[in-house]
Each structure stands twice: as C-alpha cells, then as structure tokens.
C-alpha atoms as a PDB file:
ATOM      1  CA  UNK A   1       5.348 -60.003  15.083  1.00  0.00           C
ATOM      2  CA  UNK A   2       7.566 -56.940  14.905  1.00  0.00           C
ATOM      3  CA  UNK A   3       6.159 -53.890  16.769  1.00  0.00           C
ATOM      4  CA  UNK A   4       8.130 -51.399  14.679  1.00  0.00           C
ATOM      5  CA  UNK A   5       7.009 -52.718  11.295  1.00  0.00           C
ATOM      6  CA  UNK A   6       4.084 -50.226  10.844  1.00  0.00           C
ATOM      7  CA  UNK A   7       6.345 -47.281  11.734  1.00  0.00           C
ATOM      8  CA  UNK A   8       9.034 -48.355   9.314  1.00  0.00           C
ATOM      9  CA  UNK A   9       6.519 -48.920   6.520  1.00  0.00           C
ATOM     10  CA  UNK A  10       4.832 -45.535   7.105  1.00  0.00           C
ATOM     11  CA  UNK A  11       8.184 -43.756   7.042  1.00  0.00           C
ATOM     12  CA  UNK A  12       9.092 -45.220   3.700  1.00  0.00           C
ATOM     13  CA  UNK A  13       5.840 -44.093   2.033  1.00  0.00           C
ATOM     14  CA  UNK A  14       6.413 -40.336   2.551  1.00  0.00           C
ATOM     15  CA  UNK A  15       7.550 -39.448  -0.965  1.00  0.00           C
ATOM     16  CA  UNK A  16       6.028 -36.065  -1.939  1.00  0.00           C
ATOM     17  CA  UNK A  17       5.275 -34.390   1.410  1.00  0.00           C
ATOM     18  CA  UNK A  18       7.880 -31.687   0.939  1.00  0.00           C
ATOM     19  CA  UNK A  19       6.537 -30.688  -2.454  1.00  0.00           C
ATOM     20  CA  UNK A  20       2.995 -30.470  -1.072  1.00  0.00           C
ATOM     21  CA  UNK A  21       4.151 -28.155   1.720  1.00  0.00           C
ATOM     22  CA  UNK A  22       6.097 -26.001  -0.738  1.00  0.00           C
ATOM     23  CA  UNK A  23       3.052 -25.751  -2.990  1.00  0.00           C
ATOM     24  CA  UNK A  24       0.876 -24.866  -0.007  1.00  0.00           C
ATOM     25  CA  UNK A  25       3.213 -22.019   1.053  1.00  0.00           C
ATOM     26  CA  UNK A  26       3.330 -20.795  -2.539  1.00  0.00           C
ATOM     27  CA  UNK A  27      -0.479 -20.736  -2.637  1.00  0.00           C
ATOM     28  CA  UNK A  28      -0.627 -18.777   0.619  1.00  0.00           C
ATOM     29  CA  UNK A  29       1.911 -16.239  -0.715  1.00  0.00           C
ATOM     30  CA  UNK A  30      -0.109 -15.852  -3.937  1.00  0.00           C
ATOM     31  CA  UNK A  31      -3.300 -15.203  -1.972  1.00  0.00           C
ATOM     32  CA  UNK A  32      -1.509 -12.652   0.260  1.00  0.00           C
ATOM     33  CA  UNK A  33      -0.120 -10.916  -2.818  1.00  0.00           C
ATOM     34  CA  UNK A  34      -3.501 -10.698  -4.529  1.00  0.00           C
ATOM     35  CA  UNK A  35      -5.411  -9.565  -1.447  1.00  0.00           C
ATOM     36  CA  UNK A  36      -2.914  -7.280   0.299  1.00  0.00           C
ATOM     37  CA  UNK A  37       0.197  -6.262  -1.606  1.00  0.00           C
ATOM     38  CA  UNK A  38      -1.217  -5.603  -5.075  1.00  0.00           C
ATOM     39  CA  UNK A  39      -4.111  -3.330  -3.984  1.00  0.00           C
ATOM     40  CA  UNK A  40      -1.775  -1.347  -1.705  1.00  0.00           C
ATOM     41  CA  UNK A  41       0.690  -0.745  -4.555  1.00  0.00           C
ATOM     42  CA  UNK A  42      -2.164   0.360  -6.820  1.00  0.00           C
ATOM     43  CA  UNK A  43      -3.399   2.817  -4.191  1.00  0.00           C
ATOM     44  CA  UNK A  44       0.134   4.150  -3.704  1.00  0.00           C
ATOM     45  CA  UNK A  45       0.581   4.724  -7.462  1.00  0.00           C
ATOM     46  CA  UNK A  46      -2.740   6.590  -7.632  1.00  0.00           C
ATOM     47  CA  UNK A  47      -1.652   8.822  -4.725  1.00  0.00           C
ATOM     48  CA  UNK A  48       1.683   9.563  -6.419  1.00  0.00           C
ATOM     49  CA  UNK A  49      -0.150  10.505  -9.631  1.00  0.00           C
ATOM     50  CA  UNK A  50      -2.402  12.826  -7.618  1.00  0.00           C
ATOM     51  CA  UNK A  51       0.586  14.532  -5.999  1.00  0.00           C
ATOM     52  CA  UNK A  52       2.335  14.974  -9.351  1.00  0.00           C
ATOM     53  CA  UNK A  53      -0.777  16.481 -10.965  1.00  0.00           C
ATOM     54  CA  UNK A  54      -1.404  19.119  -8.284  1.00  0.00           C
ATOM     55  CA  UNK A  55      -1.300  22.718  -9.411  1.00  0.00           C
ATOM     56  CA  UNK A  56      -1.875  26.182  -7.990  1.00  0.00           C
ATOM     57  CA  UNK A  57      -5.558  26.874  -7.353  1.00  0.00           C
ATOM     58  CA  UNK A  58      -6.616  23.252  -6.735  1.00  0.00           C
ATOM     59  CA  UNK A  59      -8.880  22.726  -3.743  1.00  0.00           C
ATOM     60  CA  UNK A  60      -7.547  19.844  -1.628  1.00  0.00           C
ATOM     61  CA  UNK A  61      -7.975  18.121   1.708  1.00  0.00           C
ATOM     62  CA  UNK A  62      -5.040  17.011   3.847  1.00  0.00           C
ATOM     63  CA  UNK A  63      -4.763  13.697   5.663  1.00  0.00           C
ATOM     64  CA  UNK A  64      -5.585  15.556   8.898  1.00  0.00           C
ATOM     65  CA  UNK A  65      -8.876  16.769   7.392  1.00  0.00           C
ATOM     66  CA  UNK A  66      -7.975  20.393   6.690  1.00  0.00           C
ATOM     67  CA  UNK A  67      -9.409  21.901   3.504  1.00  0.00           C
ATOM     68  CA  UNK A  68      -7.588  24.557   1.544  1.00  0.00           C
ATOM     69  CA  UNK A  69      -6.626  25.948  -1.843  1.00  0.00           C
ATOM     70  CA  UNK A  70      -3.092  25.443  -3.097  1.00  0.00           C
ATOM     71  CA  UNK A  71      -1.342  28.807  -3.028  1.00  0.00           C
ATOM     72  CA  UNK A  72       2.169  27.611  -3.956  1.00  0.00           C
ATOM     73  CA  UNK A  73       4.100  24.399  -4.517  1.00  0.00           C
ATOM     74  CA  UNK A  74       7.809  23.989  -3.732  1.00  0.00           C
ATOM     75  CA  UNK A  75       8.978  20.748  -5.358  1.00  0.00           C
ATOM     76  CA  UNK A  76      12.557  21.142  -4.082  1.00  0.00           C
ATOM     77  CA  UNK A  77      11.480  21.082  -0.434  1.00  0.00           C
ATOM     78  CA  UNK A  78       8.420  18.894  -1.134  1.00  0.00           C
ATOM     79  CA  UNK A  79       6.117  21.483   0.463  1.00  0.00           C
ATOM     80  CA  UNK A  80       2.676  22.778  -0.481  1.00  0.00           C
ATOM     81  CA  UNK A  81       1.373  26.128   0.795  1.00  0.00           C
ATOM     82  CA  UNK A  82      -2.378  26.001   1.410  1.00  0.00           C
ATOM     83  CA  UNK A  83      -4.546  29.053   1.806  1.00  0.00           C
ATOM     84  CA  UNK A  84      -7.445  28.659   4.220  1.00  0.00           C
ATOM     85  CA  UNK A  85      -9.355  31.906   4.419  1.00  0.00           C
ATOM     86  CA  UNK A  86      -6.701  34.571   5.061  1.00  0.00           C
ATOM     87  CA  UNK A  87      -4.179  32.154   6.564  1.00  0.00           C
ATOM     88  CA  UNK A  88      -1.420  30.430   4.579  1.00  0.00           C
ATOM     89  CA  UNK A  89      -0.058  27.169   5.969  1.00  0.00           C
ATOM     90  CA  UNK A  90       2.801  24.948   4.820  1.00  0.00           C
ATOM     91  CA  UNK A  91       2.257  21.188   4.550  1.00  0.00           C
ATOM     92  CA  UNK A  92       4.322  18.316   3.273  1.00  0.00           C
ATOM     93  CA  UNK A  93       3.208  17.457  -0.220  1.00  0.00           C
ATOM     94  CA  UNK A  94       2.638  13.852   0.837  1.00  0.00           C
ATOM     95  CA  UNK A  95       0.058  14.957   3.422  1.00  0.00           C
ATOM     96  CA  UNK A  96      -2.396  15.887   0.652  1.00  0.00           C
ATOM     97  CA  UNK A  97      -5.051  13.158   0.751  1.00  0.00           C
ATOM     98  CA  UNK A  98      -7.353  14.111  -2.118  1.00  0.00           C
ATOM     99  CA  UNK A  99      -8.437  16.777  -4.557  1.00  0.00           C
ATOM    100  CA  UNK A 100     -11.864  18.213  -3.771  1.00  0.00           C
ATOM    101  CA  UNK A 101     -14.274  19.119  -6.547  1.00  0.00           C
ATOM    102  CA  UNK A 102     -15.354  22.763  -6.493  1.00  0.00           C
END
C-alpha cells in the first residue's frame, strides 16, 4: 500500500477553494461597507449640509461644547464668528457641531 495515496487524492479534489475564499472576502467587505463606511458617509453629508445652511443669527454649538450665536460668516477663510455674551470668537466653520433650537 502506498502511504502517499491519500495525500495525492486529497490534493486533486481541491477544485473551487479559491472561489470560496474570494466570495468570503467579498462578503466581509460588503458587511464592512454596510456597517461602517456607508453610515459614516451619510453622517458626513448631513454635516456638510448643516455647514452650508448656516446663516447669521443661528444659535449653534461647537464640537468643543461652546454655545453661541453666529455673528458673521467668512466663506473665503472658512471661519465663523460666534458671539457669546459680549465676546466675539472666531472658529473654523467645520468645528460647528449642530444647530441649537431657540
């Protein structure tokens, strides 16, 4: 009896293993896309729409937690001037986290 016969027979039966692995990696990528990438892109689009719709007089909160009213917007420099009480502060427009309802 040949000792290598089972090994040789098993090696010849591996016909679609590569396609199964490729399908498995494709399934993992699809799951990652649906659970991570797609929701992040949606959130980013919503934030961009918020930044584009800001106007003078809107009450907002920054990503650092500071509340203020928009005093001026400079689109060229991408800066928003917030008025908090009697103080006016400049912030990057992208640091605005949300609009606050009055």
